[in-house]
Amino acid sequence: MTEPVLNVTTTDIAPEAAVLSAAGDIDFGSEHVLRTAAASAFERNVTRLVVDVGRVRICDSSGLSLFVDLHRQTTARGGWFRLAGPGPLLVKTLAVTNLDRVLPAYDTVDAALAG
């Protein structure tokens, strides 16, 4: 059996806050794994969402689009969306696409939660 391309674990921080820790590749074929984990968090009324991307190797346009969608969903609920631990390539990609202006990124999960 082959390993999944993307693994996501969820940690509820408070009734309204959760951290989704992603490991692997966020791309067209795997973004649904992260989307499903976020949908599950939204079903629990999470409004503040941190996605820990510290162990993400690749994030293509599907992943970026998902991040924008999660940002929209959390702000529509009166909350926020933040990224934690992005590597240099993802930081550069966010800057080049100007998504760094919309999607706050922090060095650590703790920093993202503290905002």
Protein backbone atom coordinates (compact mmCIF):
# COMPACT_ATOMS: atom_id res chain seq x y z
CA MET A 1 0.00 0.00 0.00
CA THR A 2 1.38 3.40 -0.94
CA GLU A 3 1.60 6.32 1.45
CA PRO A 4 -0.87 9.17 0.91
CA VAL A 5 0.57 12.25 -0.75
CA LEU A 6 -0.86 14.47 2.00
CA ASN A 7 -1.59 13.75 5.64
CA VAL A 8 -3.53 16.19 7.79
CA THR A 9 -4.03 16.03 11.54
CA THR A 10 -6.37 18.30 13.44
CA THR A 11 -5.82 19.77 16.89
CA ASP A 12 -8.68 21.69 18.46
CA ILE A 13 -7.20 24.56 20.46
CA ALA A 14 -10.46 26.02 21.76
CA PRO A 15 -14.11 25.58 20.78
CA GLU A 16 -13.62 28.15 18.01
CA ALA A 17 -9.99 27.48 17.02
CA ALA A 18 -8.19 24.59 15.34
CA VAL A 19 -4.80 23.80 13.86
CA LEU A 20 -4.60 21.64 10.76
CA SER A 21 -1.09 20.20 10.44
CA ALA A 22 -0.29 19.19 6.89
CA ALA A 23 2.57 16.94 5.82
CA GLY A 24 3.37 16.13 2.20
CA ASP A 25 2.25 17.80 -1.01
CA ILE A 26 -0.74 20.09 -1.41
CA ASP A 27 -1.62 19.84 -5.07
CA PHE A 28 -4.49 19.14 -7.45
CA GLY A 29 -4.62 15.49 -6.49
CA SER A 30 -4.44 15.96 -2.72
CA GLU A 31 -5.92 19.32 -1.75
CA HIS A 32 -9.23 17.55 -1.02
CA VAL A 33 -7.61 15.99 2.08
CA LEU A 34 -6.99 19.43 3.60
CA ARG A 35 -10.36 20.72 2.36
CA THR A 36 -12.15 17.82 4.07
CA ALA A 37 -10.30 18.42 7.35
CA ALA A 38 -11.25 22.11 7.21
CA ALA A 39 -14.88 21.26 6.44
CA SER A 40 -14.94 19.02 9.49
CA ALA A 41 -13.58 21.87 11.61
CA PHE A 42 -16.23 24.23 10.23
CA GLU A 43 -18.92 21.70 11.17
CA ARG A 44 -17.66 22.08 14.76
CA ASN A 45 -18.12 25.88 14.45
CA VAL A 46 -14.40 26.66 14.19
CA THR A 47 -13.93 30.28 13.11
CA ARG A 48 -10.16 30.62 13.69
CA LEU A 49 -8.06 28.29 11.59
CA VAL A 50 -4.30 27.81 11.43
CA VAL A 51 -2.81 25.56 8.76
CA ASP A 52 0.66 24.38 9.76
CA VAL A 53 2.54 23.97 6.48
CA GLY A 54 5.95 23.40 8.05
CA ARG A 55 6.11 19.85 6.66
CA VAL A 56 4.63 20.65 3.24
CA ARG A 57 7.05 19.97 0.39
CA ILE A 58 5.01 21.30 -2.53
CA CYS A 59 2.05 23.65 -2.75
CA ASP A 60 0.69 24.30 -6.24
CA SER A 61 -2.03 26.66 -7.40
CA SER A 62 -4.71 24.28 -6.09
CA GLY A 63 -3.28 24.67 -2.61
CA LEU A 64 -3.07 28.44 -2.93
CA SER A 65 -6.66 28.55 -4.13
CA LEU A 66 -7.70 26.42 -1.16
CA PHE A 67 -5.94 28.80 1.24
CA VAL A 68 -7.84 31.74 -0.26
CA ASP A 69 -11.09 29.79 0.03
CA LEU A 70 -10.39 28.94 3.68
CA HIS A 71 -9.58 32.60 4.34
CA ARG A 72 -12.94 33.59 2.84
CA GLN A 73 -14.82 30.97 4.82
CA THR A 74 -13.28 31.91 8.16
CA THR A 75 -13.72 35.65 7.69
CA ALA A 76 -17.34 35.09 6.63
CA ARG A 77 -17.79 33.40 10.00
CA GLY A 78 -16.23 36.37 11.81
CA GLY A 79 -12.89 34.66 12.34
CA TRP A 80 -9.50 34.43 10.67
CA PHE A 81 -7.18 32.11 8.71
CA ARG A 82 -3.42 31.95 9.16
CA LEU A 83 -0.53 29.88 7.86
CA ALA A 84 2.24 28.65 10.14
CA GLY A 85 5.77 27.56 9.30
CA PRO A 86 5.89 28.11 5.54
CA GLY A 87 9.19 27.21 3.92
CA PRO A 88 11.16 29.62 1.74
CA LEU A 89 9.55 28.45 -1.51
CA LEU A 90 6.01 28.93 -0.20
CA VAL A 91 6.92 32.32 1.29
CA LYS A 92 8.28 33.39 -2.10
CA THR A 93 5.23 32.02 -3.93
CA LEU A 94 2.90 33.93 -1.61
CA ALA A 95 4.91 37.13 -2.20
CA VAL A 96 5.07 36.74 -6.00
CA THR A 97 1.32 36.17 -6.19
CA ASN A 98 0.61 38.98 -3.70
CA LEU A 99 -1.22 36.48 -1.53
CA ASP A 100 1.05 37.45 1.35
CA ARG A 101 -1.13 40.57 1.60
CA VAL A 102 -4.23 38.42 2.22
CA LEU A 103 -2.91 35.29 3.88
CA PRO A 104 -0.94 36.02 7.05
CA ALA A 105 1.99 33.66 7.56
CA TYR A 106 3.84 33.14 10.84
CA ASP A 107 7.01 31.25 11.71
CA THR A 108 5.32 28.97 14.24
CA VAL A 109 1.89 27.69 15.19
CA ASP A 110 2.11 29.52 18.53
CA ALA A 111 2.88 32.80 16.77
CA ALA A 112 -0.02 32.23 14.36
CA LEU A 113 -2.42 31.57 17.22
CA ALA A 114 -1.23 34.67 19.08
CA GLY A 115 -1.41 36.75 15.90
